[in-house]
Protein backbone atom coordinates (compact mmCIF):
# COMPACT_ATOMS: atom_id res chain seq x y z
CA MET A 1 -12.64 12.63 29.71
CA PRO A 2 -9.85 8.99 30.24
CA VAL A 3 -13.05 6.94 29.59
CA ASP A 4 -15.49 7.65 26.67
CA VAL A 5 -17.99 4.93 26.55
CA ALA A 6 -20.05 5.48 23.19
CA LYS A 7 -16.18 6.63 21.56
CA ALA A 8 -14.67 3.32 21.85
CA LYS A 9 -17.39 1.25 20.92
CA SER A 10 -17.73 2.99 17.65
CA THR A 11 -14.11 2.93 17.22
CA PRO A 12 -13.68 0.30 13.75
CA PRO A 13 -12.19 -3.10 14.44
CA ILE A 14 -8.89 -3.46 14.72
CA ARG A 15 -7.79 -6.07 11.80
CA SER A 16 -4.73 -8.65 12.16
CA GLU A 17 -3.36 -12.02 10.65
CA GLY A 18 -1.35 -14.75 12.58
CA SER A 19 -0.97 -18.29 12.44
CA TRP A 20 0.15 -21.74 14.56
CA LYS A 21 1.78 -24.90 13.74
CA LYS A 22 1.80 -28.14 15.27
CA ASP A 23 4.76 -27.27 17.64
CA ASP A 24 3.27 -23.90 18.76
CA VAL A 25 0.17 -26.12 20.32
CA ILE A 26 2.34 -28.65 21.65
CA LEU A 27 4.42 -25.87 23.34
CA TYR A 28 1.45 -24.30 24.82
CA HIS A 29 0.50 -27.19 26.20
CA LEU A 30 3.93 -28.08 28.05
CA GLY A 31 3.80 -24.63 29.09
CA LEU A 32 0.69 -26.06 31.16
CA GLY A 33 2.05 -28.53 32.48
CA ALA A 34 1.07 -31.57 29.95
CA GLY A 35 3.00 -34.70 30.32
CA LEU A 36 4.52 -33.86 33.69
CA GLU A 37 3.09 -36.48 35.78
CA LYS A 38 3.19 -39.36 32.93
CA PRO A 39 5.11 -38.33 30.12
CA THR A 40 4.55 -41.09 28.43
CA ASP A 41 0.83 -42.19 28.82
CA ALA A 42 -1.17 -42.26 25.46
CA LYS A 43 -3.71 -39.47 26.80
CA GLU A 44 -1.18 -36.86 27.89
CA LEU A 45 0.66 -37.89 24.09
CA GLU A 46 -2.13 -36.36 22.38
CA TYR A 47 -1.22 -32.95 24.07
CA THR A 48 2.07 -33.54 23.75
CA TYR A 49 3.37 -35.58 20.68
CA GLU A 50 2.40 -34.73 16.62
CA LYS A 51 0.67 -37.93 16.54
CA ASN A 52 -3.24 -38.10 17.51
CA LEU A 53 -2.27 -34.45 18.41
CA LYS A 54 -5.62 -32.12 19.91
CA THR A 55 -5.87 -28.78 20.89
CA LEU A 56 -7.53 -27.54 24.14
CA PRO A 57 -10.05 -25.00 23.75
CA SER A 58 -8.02 -22.73 25.98
CA PHE A 59 -5.04 -22.57 23.33
CA GLY A 60 -7.52 -20.03 21.64
CA VAL A 61 -6.21 -16.88 23.95
CA VAL A 62 -2.67 -17.60 22.43
CA PRO A 63 -3.14 -16.03 18.47
CA VAL A 64 -4.96 -13.26 19.79
CA PHE A 65 -3.40 -12.14 22.84
CA SER A 66 -1.48 -9.21 21.62
CA SER A 67 -4.63 -7.94 19.82
CA MET A 68 -5.24 -6.59 23.41
CA PHE A 69 -2.10 -5.06 23.59
CA GLY A 70 -2.66 -3.57 19.92
CA MET A 71 -5.76 -1.67 21.36
CA ALA A 72 -4.04 0.37 23.49
CA GLY A 73 -4.42 3.36 21.36
CA THR A 74 -8.57 2.83 21.06
CA GLY A 75 -10.31 6.11 20.67
CA GLY A 76 -12.38 7.04 23.79
CA ILE A 77 -9.25 4.90 26.15
CA ASP A 78 -7.49 7.08 27.63
CA ILE A 79 -5.59 5.14 30.46
CA ASN A 80 -2.83 4.53 32.83
CA TRP A 81 -1.93 0.84 31.45
CA ALA A 82 0.57 0.04 34.23
CA LEU A 83 -2.98 -0.05 35.95
CA VAL A 84 -4.59 -2.27 34.33
CA LEU A 85 -5.70 -5.75 35.66
CA HIS A 86 -6.73 -8.62 33.60
CA GLY A 87 -9.88 -9.76 35.54
CA GLU A 88 -11.98 -12.62 33.16
CA GLN A 89 -11.17 -14.42 30.46
CA ASP A 90 -14.20 -15.52 28.14
CA ILE A 91 -13.56 -17.99 25.00
CA GLU A 92 -16.57 -19.38 22.97
CA ILE A 93 -15.19 -22.57 20.66
CA HIS A 94 -17.43 -22.40 17.29
CA ARG A 95 -15.90 -25.41 16.24
CA PRO A 96 -12.74 -27.48 17.62
CA ILE A 97 -9.33 -25.44 17.08
CA PRO A 98 -7.05 -26.95 14.47
CA THR A 99 -3.31 -28.06 15.43
CA GLU A 100 -2.53 -26.06 12.52
CA ALA A 101 -4.02 -22.73 10.91
CA ALA A 102 -3.72 -19.15 9.09
CA VAL A 103 -6.18 -17.04 10.83
CA GLU A 104 -7.54 -13.86 10.43
CA SER A 105 -8.92 -11.62 13.78
CA GLU A 106 -11.01 -8.44 14.22
CA ALA A 107 -10.67 -6.78 17.78
CA ARG A 108 -13.00 -3.74 19.31
CA VAL A 109 -14.02 -2.58 22.55
CA ALA A 110 -17.41 -4.38 23.35
CA ASP A 111 -18.42 -2.67 26.04
CA ILE A 112 -17.35 -0.83 29.10
CA PHE A 113 -19.04 -0.79 32.82
CA ASP A 114 -18.33 1.71 35.54
CA LYS A 115 -17.65 -0.32 38.72
CA GLY A 116 -17.07 2.61 40.63
CA LYS A 117 -13.43 2.63 41.64
CA ALA A 118 -12.54 0.86 38.01
CA ALA A 119 -13.81 1.07 34.50
CA LEU A 120 -14.32 -2.36 33.36
CA ILE A 121 -13.42 -2.89 29.81
CA ILE A 122 -14.13 -6.08 27.64
CA MET A 123 -12.36 -6.11 24.63
CA GLU A 124 -13.41 -8.44 22.04
CA VAL A 125 -11.62 -10.46 19.18
CA LYS A 126 -13.59 -12.78 16.64
CA THR A 127 -10.92 -14.88 14.84
CA ARG A 128 -11.86 -16.99 11.75
CA GLU A 129 -9.33 -19.08 9.47
CA LYS A 130 -8.09 -17.11 6.54
CA GLY A 131 -10.81 -16.66 4.12
CA GLY A 132 -13.28 -19.45 6.16
CA ALA A 133 -15.42 -20.10 8.83
CA PRO A 134 -15.32 -18.42 12.67
CA LEU A 135 -12.88 -20.56 14.94
CA PHE A 136 -13.63 -18.70 18.40
CA THR A 137 -14.61 -15.65 20.01
CA ASN A 138 -12.28 -14.23 22.96
CA ARG A 139 -13.78 -11.81 25.60
CA PHE A 140 -10.91 -10.01 27.84
CA SER A 141 -12.10 -7.99 30.53
CA ILE A 142 -9.88 -5.92 32.20
CA PHE A 143 -10.29 -3.66 35.04
CA ALA A 144 -8.66 0.16 34.56
CA ARG A 145 -8.06 1.11 38.37
CA GLY A 146 -9.00 4.96 38.78
CA GLU A 147 -10.83 5.07 35.89
CA GLY A 148 -14.86 4.34 37.31
CA GLY A 149 -17.08 6.72 38.37
CA PHE A 150 -18.19 7.98 35.19
CA GLY A 151 -22.24 7.24 35.60
CA GLY A 152 -21.91 4.13 33.54
CA ASP A 153 -23.97 0.67 33.25
CA PRO A 154 -22.25 -1.14 36.35
CA GLY A 155 -22.63 -4.56 34.30
CA PRO A 156 -24.16 -7.67 34.98
CA LYS A 157 -23.77 -9.30 38.08
CA VAL A 158 -21.36 -12.37 38.98
CA THR A 159 -22.73 -16.11 37.68
CA ASN A 160 -21.52 -19.21 37.49
CA ALA A 161 -21.13 -19.31 41.53
CA ALA A 162 -19.82 -22.76 42.93
CA PRO A 163 -22.78 -25.10 44.25
CA ASP A 164 -22.90 -25.82 48.16
CA ARG A 165 -22.33 -29.84 47.97
CA THR A 166 -19.64 -31.95 47.14
CA PRO A 167 -17.81 -31.57 43.62
CA ASP A 168 -18.36 -34.38 41.00
CA ALA A 169 -14.73 -34.34 40.24
CA THR A 170 -11.40 -32.88 41.45
CA VAL A 171 -8.38 -32.92 39.95
CA GLU A 172 -4.88 -31.67 41.60
CA SER A 173 -2.37 -29.97 38.85
CA ARG A 174 1.31 -29.62 40.29
CA THR A 175 3.49 -26.43 38.52
CA MET A 176 7.00 -26.82 38.07
CA PRO A 177 8.86 -23.94 39.51
CA GLN A 178 10.25 -22.88 35.82
CA GLN A 179 6.37 -23.12 34.71
CA ALA A 180 6.10 -19.28 33.82
CA LEU A 181 9.39 -19.20 32.41
CA LEU A 182 8.39 -21.90 29.78
CA TYR A 183 4.80 -20.73 29.28
CA ARG A 184 5.93 -17.19 28.33
CA LEU A 185 7.42 -18.99 25.56
CA SER A 186 3.76 -18.99 24.36
CA GLY A 187 3.62 -15.18 23.57
CA ASP A 188 3.25 -13.51 27.21
CA LYS A 189 6.95 -11.89 27.87
CA ASN A 190 5.42 -9.61 30.72
CA PRO A 191 8.42 -9.25 32.51
CA LEU A 192 6.08 -9.57 35.82
CA HIS A 193 6.51 -13.93 35.39
CA ALA A 194 10.06 -13.93 34.98
CA ASP A 195 12.31 -11.13 36.54
CA PRO A 196 12.08 -11.05 40.36
CA GLU A 197 12.76 -7.19 40.74
CA PHE A 198 9.77 -6.24 38.51
CA ALA A 199 7.80 -8.35 40.28
CA LYS A 200 8.92 -6.62 43.43
CA LEU A 201 7.80 -3.73 41.57
CA GLY A 202 4.32 -5.26 41.64
CA GLY A 203 4.12 -5.77 45.21
CA PHE A 204 5.30 -9.70 44.95
CA ASP A 205 8.09 -11.44 46.59
CA THR A 206 8.75 -13.65 43.55
CA PRO A 207 7.26 -13.65 39.78
CA ILE A 208 4.12 -15.41 39.63
CA LEU A 209 2.28 -17.49 37.36
CA HIS A 210 0.45 -15.83 34.22
CA GLY A 211 -3.25 -15.73 34.93
CA LEU A 212 -3.80 -17.55 31.09
CA CYS A 213 -1.28 -19.84 32.08
CA SER A 214 -3.95 -21.16 35.48
CA TYR A 215 -6.61 -20.56 32.87
CA GLY A 216 -5.53 -23.02 30.41
CA ILE A 217 -4.09 -25.64 33.34
CA VAL A 218 -7.86 -25.87 34.70
CA CYS A 219 -9.01 -26.30 31.29
CA LYS A 220 -7.43 -28.82 30.57
CA ALA A 221 -8.06 -30.46 34.46
CA VAL A 222 -11.79 -30.24 33.28
CA VAL A 223 -11.26 -31.68 29.53
CA ASP A 224 -9.74 -34.96 31.55
CA GLY A 225 -11.06 -35.10 34.77
CA LEU A 226 -14.94 -34.98 33.54
CA LEU A 227 -14.83 -34.95 29.87
CA GLY A 228 -12.58 -38.07 29.14
CA GLY A 229 -10.19 -35.73 27.16
CA ASP A 230 -12.57 -34.84 24.82
CA VAL A 231 -11.89 -31.26 23.62
CA SER A 232 -14.81 -30.66 20.86
CA LYS A 233 -17.07 -31.01 24.06
CA VAL A 234 -16.43 -27.24 25.16
CA ALA A 235 -18.54 -24.74 23.62
CA ARG A 236 -17.55 -22.02 26.18
CA TYR A 237 -14.97 -21.36 28.59
CA GLN A 238 -15.55 -18.44 31.10
CA ALA A 239 -13.15 -17.86 34.29
CA ARG A 240 -12.69 -15.40 36.74
CA PHE A 241 -9.21 -14.50 37.94
CA SER A 242 -9.16 -14.17 41.60
CA GLY A 243 -5.83 -14.43 43.51
CA VAL A 244 -2.46 -15.49 41.93
CA LEU A 245 -0.28 -18.50 41.67
CA PHE A 246 3.28 -19.27 42.24
CA PRO A 247 5.17 -21.73 40.18
CA GLY A 248 5.98 -24.70 41.86
CA GLU A 249 2.42 -24.71 43.78
CA THR A 250 -0.74 -26.98 43.06
CA ILE A 251 -3.96 -25.94 41.77
CA VAL A 252 -6.73 -27.89 43.22
CA THR A 253 -9.73 -27.59 40.64
CA SER A 254 -13.09 -28.69 41.60
CA MET A 255 -15.96 -29.05 39.06
CA TRP A 256 -19.54 -29.78 39.51
CA ARG A 257 -22.03 -30.98 36.35
CA GLU A 258 -25.17 -28.54 36.26
CA ASN A 259 -27.36 -29.29 33.01
CA ASP A 260 -25.03 -27.82 30.05
CA LYS A 261 -22.34 -26.30 31.99
CA ILE A 262 -19.62 -27.63 34.46
CA LEU A 263 -19.15 -25.30 37.07
CA VAL A 264 -15.45 -24.53 38.32
CA ASP A 265 -13.80 -23.31 40.91
CA ALA A 266 -9.82 -23.51 41.45
CA LYS A 267 -7.56 -23.10 44.65
CA CYS A 268 -3.99 -23.24 45.64
CA LYS A 269 -3.61 -26.18 47.21
CA GLU A 270 -0.25 -25.10 49.70
CA ARG A 271 -1.86 -21.89 50.93
CA GLY A 272 -5.85 -21.97 50.67
CA THR A 273 -5.90 -19.32 48.56
CA PRO A 274 -8.70 -18.81 45.43
CA VAL A 275 -7.03 -18.79 41.82
CA ILE A 276 -10.15 -19.13 39.37
CA SER A 277 -13.74 -18.64 40.55
CA SER A 278 -17.24 -17.65 39.68
CA SER A 279 -16.24 -20.46 36.38
CA ALA A 280 -17.88 -22.12 33.81
CA ILE A 281 -17.33 -24.61 30.77
CA THR A 282 -20.53 -24.51 28.82
CA LEU A 283 -21.08 -28.15 26.60
CA GLN A 284 -22.05 -28.69 23.17
């Protein structure tokens, strides 16, 4: 049986260590387009210059990205990884992410849901400073196409739908034609985002932007657009990847304040197609 829920969830966590420096944080921010429009603006320099440097909450996906692939051999999950799609990303921030750190992480299969034609696998990675307190918890939700129909729990319903009213703020984020080539230096070397021939095998005329790059761009848009640039106000960031963006296109991020959340919806300006939906940033 390709998916054995009980076996996968009972497999011991996979432990790993990692670290980052200020240059890694700056490179990540540049990969999101920080400094593109106003490179010497004081607020933008907080993302791109060591002086007063801060770390976007979405950076937390970078140190643990390889953990998702490290779980390919997890017991109970015998699937074709070529048919896997990254469907959702959820990060909880336990305290502001430092600009330099040495960390240790534990990755496990938190749950598996039956979506009929696919299995939805929730891979959870908990990260703490080495020998210290928790920093953040990631949940990568991946769709394993062709692995559903095993009679399991279908999982929770979609939440965080955008309200039917005018957004409280809208931010346009232009991407560069070479955006994916820059972002891949933060660790995601999937050739889908660089190699035209490989992209054609995936059904795209040209390489597409990383979903997690769009994830970070939208996070920055909200932090700058409604939180005054204060990264410490973000307690959680949940997003569903609902469409692709090509490097050089523009993301339009719409935001609505709802109690302790900011509901988020992002679209491609040029094609009017969805990029990120059913998304929210929960505030501290």
